N, C-alpha and C. Protein backbone atom coordinates (compact mmCIF):
# COMPACT_ATOMS: atom_id res chain seq x y z
N UNK A 1 -31.18 28.20 159.30
CA UNK A 1 -30.07 29.08 159.59
C UNK A 1 -28.95 28.86 158.58
N UNK A 2 -28.16 29.88 158.45
CA UNK A 2 -26.99 29.84 157.57
C UNK A 2 -25.73 29.86 158.42
N UNK A 3 -24.61 29.52 157.82
CA UNK A 3 -23.35 29.57 158.58
C UNK A 3 -23.02 31.00 159.00
N UNK A 4 -23.57 32.00 158.30
CA UNK A 4 -23.35 33.39 158.68
C UNK A 4 -24.01 33.74 160.01
N UNK A 5 -24.90 32.90 160.50
CA UNK A 5 -25.52 33.10 161.81
C UNK A 5 -24.57 32.70 162.95
N UNK A 6 -23.52 31.98 162.63
CA UNK A 6 -22.57 31.52 163.65
C UNK A 6 -21.73 32.70 164.12
N UNK A 7 -21.70 32.90 165.43
CA UNK A 7 -20.96 34.03 166.00
C UNK A 7 -19.70 33.60 166.76
N UNK A 8 -19.64 32.33 167.18
CA UNK A 8 -18.46 31.85 167.91
C UNK A 8 -18.35 30.34 167.80
N UNK A 9 -17.11 29.86 167.67
CA UNK A 9 -16.83 28.42 167.63
C UNK A 9 -15.80 28.06 168.69
N UNK A 10 -15.97 26.89 169.25
CA UNK A 10 -14.97 26.31 170.15
C UNK A 10 -14.40 25.10 169.42
N UNK A 11 -13.09 25.08 169.23
CA UNK A 11 -12.42 24.00 168.53
C UNK A 11 -11.58 23.22 169.53
N UNK A 12 -11.83 21.91 169.60
CA UNK A 12 -11.09 21.03 170.51
C UNK A 12 -10.23 20.11 169.64
N UNK A 13 -8.92 20.22 169.78
CA UNK A 13 -7.98 19.41 169.00
C UNK A 13 -7.28 18.40 169.90
N UNK A 14 -7.16 17.18 169.41
CA UNK A 14 -6.43 16.16 170.16
C UNK A 14 -4.94 16.49 170.18
N UNK A 15 -4.46 17.13 169.11
CA UNK A 15 -3.05 17.53 169.01
C UNK A 15 -2.99 18.93 168.41
N UNK A 16 -2.51 19.89 169.16
CA UNK A 16 -2.45 21.28 168.70
C UNK A 16 -1.54 21.45 167.48
N UNK A 17 -0.69 20.47 167.22
CA UNK A 17 0.14 20.50 166.01
C UNK A 17 -0.72 20.39 164.75
N UNK A 18 -1.99 19.96 164.88
CA UNK A 18 -2.91 19.87 163.76
C UNK A 18 -3.64 21.19 163.50
N UNK A 19 -3.26 22.24 164.22
CA UNK A 19 -3.96 23.52 164.09
C UNK A 19 -3.94 24.05 162.66
N UNK A 20 -2.83 24.00 161.98
CA UNK A 20 -2.73 24.55 160.62
C UNK A 20 -3.67 23.84 159.66
N UNK A 21 -3.75 22.53 159.76
CA UNK A 21 -4.65 21.74 158.90
C UNK A 21 -6.10 22.09 159.21
N UNK A 22 -6.43 22.15 160.49
CA UNK A 22 -7.79 22.51 160.90
C UNK A 22 -8.11 23.93 160.45
N UNK A 23 -7.17 24.85 160.60
CA UNK A 23 -7.39 26.24 160.24
C UNK A 23 -7.68 26.40 158.75
N UNK A 24 -7.01 25.62 157.92
CA UNK A 24 -7.26 25.66 156.48
C UNK A 24 -8.67 25.17 156.16
N UNK A 25 -9.08 24.06 156.77
CA UNK A 25 -10.44 23.54 156.56
C UNK A 25 -11.48 24.53 157.09
N UNK A 26 -11.22 25.12 158.24
CA UNK A 26 -12.10 26.11 158.86
C UNK A 26 -12.27 27.31 157.94
N UNK A 27 -11.17 27.80 157.40
CA UNK A 27 -11.20 28.95 156.48
C UNK A 27 -11.94 28.62 155.18
N UNK A 28 -11.72 27.42 154.67
CA UNK A 28 -12.43 26.98 153.46
C UNK A 28 -13.94 26.93 153.70
N UNK A 29 -14.35 26.52 154.89
CA UNK A 29 -15.77 26.42 155.22
C UNK A 29 -16.40 27.80 155.38
N UNK A 30 -15.76 28.67 156.16
CA UNK A 30 -16.36 29.97 156.49
C UNK A 30 -16.11 31.05 155.44
N UNK A 31 -15.11 30.88 154.59
CA UNK A 31 -14.78 31.88 153.57
C UNK A 31 -14.55 33.26 154.21
N UNK A 32 -15.30 34.27 153.81
CA UNK A 32 -15.07 35.62 154.34
C UNK A 32 -15.73 35.86 155.70
N UNK A 33 -16.67 35.00 156.08
CA UNK A 33 -17.32 35.11 157.39
C UNK A 33 -16.34 34.62 158.46
N UNK A 34 -16.07 35.43 159.46
CA UNK A 34 -15.07 35.08 160.47
C UNK A 34 -15.66 35.17 161.88
N UNK A 35 -16.35 34.10 162.34
CA UNK A 35 -16.85 34.13 163.72
C UNK A 35 -15.68 34.08 164.71
N UNK A 36 -15.93 34.56 165.91
CA UNK A 36 -14.91 34.45 166.96
C UNK A 36 -14.60 32.97 167.18
N UNK A 37 -13.37 32.68 167.62
CA UNK A 37 -12.99 31.27 167.76
C UNK A 37 -12.03 31.09 168.92
N UNK A 38 -12.19 29.97 169.58
CA UNK A 38 -11.26 29.52 170.61
C UNK A 38 -10.80 28.13 170.20
N UNK A 39 -9.50 27.88 170.24
CA UNK A 39 -8.97 26.55 169.91
C UNK A 39 -8.09 26.08 171.07
N UNK A 40 -8.35 24.86 171.54
CA UNK A 40 -7.59 24.29 172.64
C UNK A 40 -7.23 22.84 172.35
N UNK A 41 -6.15 22.39 172.97
CA UNK A 41 -5.76 20.98 172.89
C UNK A 41 -6.37 20.25 174.07
N UNK A 42 -6.93 19.08 173.79
CA UNK A 42 -7.51 18.24 174.84
C UNK A 42 -6.89 16.86 174.78
N UNK A 43 -6.92 16.15 175.90
CA UNK A 43 -6.27 14.84 175.94
C UNK A 43 -7.05 13.74 175.24
N UNK A 44 -8.38 13.86 175.23
CA UNK A 44 -9.17 12.82 174.58
C UNK A 44 -10.51 13.39 174.15
N UNK A 45 -11.00 12.91 173.00
CA UNK A 45 -12.30 13.31 172.48
C UNK A 45 -13.17 12.06 172.29
N UNK A 46 -14.49 12.23 172.30
CA UNK A 46 -15.38 11.08 172.10
C UNK A 46 -15.09 10.36 170.78
N UNK A 47 -15.22 9.06 170.82
CA UNK A 47 -15.00 8.20 169.65
C UNK A 47 -13.60 8.35 169.07
N UNK A 48 -12.68 8.85 169.88
CA UNK A 48 -11.27 9.00 169.50
C UNK A 48 -11.07 9.84 168.24
N UNK A 49 -11.95 10.84 168.02
CA UNK A 49 -11.77 11.74 166.88
C UNK A 49 -10.62 12.70 167.17
N UNK A 50 -10.11 13.36 166.13
CA UNK A 50 -8.97 14.27 166.32
C UNK A 50 -9.39 15.72 166.50
N UNK A 51 -10.62 16.04 166.10
CA UNK A 51 -11.12 17.41 166.27
C UNK A 51 -12.63 17.39 166.52
N UNK A 52 -13.06 18.31 167.37
CA UNK A 52 -14.49 18.52 167.60
C UNK A 52 -14.71 20.02 167.63
N UNK A 53 -15.80 20.46 166.98
CA UNK A 53 -16.11 21.89 166.94
C UNK A 53 -17.56 22.08 167.34
N UNK A 54 -17.78 22.98 168.29
CA UNK A 54 -19.16 23.38 168.58
C UNK A 54 -19.30 24.85 168.21
N UNK A 55 -20.53 25.25 167.92
CA UNK A 55 -20.76 26.60 167.43
C UNK A 55 -21.95 27.23 168.14
N UNK A 56 -21.87 28.53 168.30
CA UNK A 56 -22.98 29.33 168.83
C UNK A 56 -23.49 30.19 167.68
N UNK A 57 -24.80 30.10 167.42
CA UNK A 57 -25.41 30.87 166.34
C UNK A 57 -26.52 31.76 166.91
N UNK A 58 -26.77 32.85 166.21
CA UNK A 58 -27.78 33.82 166.63
C UNK A 58 -28.82 33.96 165.52
N UNK A 59 -30.08 33.91 165.91
CA UNK A 59 -31.17 34.18 164.98
C UNK A 59 -31.90 35.42 165.48
N UNK A 60 -31.86 36.48 164.73
CA UNK A 60 -32.48 37.74 165.15
C UNK A 60 -33.85 37.90 164.53
N UNK A 61 -34.73 38.51 165.30
CA UNK A 61 -36.06 38.78 164.81
C UNK A 61 -36.30 40.28 164.64
N UNK A 62 -35.41 41.12 165.15
CA UNK A 62 -35.65 42.56 165.05
C UNK A 62 -35.10 43.13 163.74
N UNK A 63 -35.71 44.20 163.32
CA UNK A 63 -35.33 44.84 162.08
C UNK A 63 -33.92 45.43 162.19
N UNK A 64 -33.15 45.29 161.15
CA UNK A 64 -31.81 45.84 161.14
C UNK A 64 -30.73 44.89 161.62
N UNK A 65 -31.12 43.73 162.08
CA UNK A 65 -30.14 42.74 162.54
C UNK A 65 -29.39 42.20 161.33
N UNK A 66 -28.10 42.01 161.47
CA UNK A 66 -27.30 41.52 160.34
C UNK A 66 -27.36 40.00 160.19
N UNK A 67 -28.00 39.31 161.12
CA UNK A 67 -28.13 37.85 161.04
C UNK A 67 -29.50 37.50 160.46
N UNK A 68 -29.51 36.60 159.50
CA UNK A 68 -30.76 36.19 158.88
C UNK A 68 -31.43 35.12 159.72
N UNK A 69 -32.74 35.14 159.73
CA UNK A 69 -33.48 34.05 160.36
C UNK A 69 -34.27 33.37 159.26
N UNK A 70 -33.95 32.11 159.01
CA UNK A 70 -34.62 31.37 157.96
C UNK A 70 -35.50 30.27 158.52
N UNK A 71 -35.31 29.93 159.74
CA UNK A 71 -36.04 28.82 160.33
C UNK A 71 -36.48 29.21 161.72
N UNK A 72 -37.74 29.04 162.00
CA UNK A 72 -38.25 29.37 163.33
C UNK A 72 -38.04 28.18 164.26
N UNK A 73 -37.50 28.45 165.43
CA UNK A 73 -37.22 27.39 166.39
C UNK A 73 -38.08 27.61 167.62
N UNK A 74 -39.19 26.91 167.71
CA UNK A 74 -40.11 27.03 168.86
C UNK A 74 -39.90 25.88 169.82
C-alpha cells in the first residue's frame, strides 16, 4: 500500500500546543494528499511519547477505484 491509500488519521497529542509542529510534519509527509483527520489532546500516551497517529487505509479491488492496491492482504 501507498500513503495515498490512507483515508483518515487520528492524531493524539500530549499537548495541543504542539499542533503547529505536528501539522508541519504531517503536511511534509502527505504533501498534496489530504486524508481526513481528527486531532485531540490526551493526558498520557504509551511510553510517554508526545504524539501518536493511527491511520485507516483502503485497498480497492474494483475497476475505477482511485486507491491503488499493491499488496494483497489475506
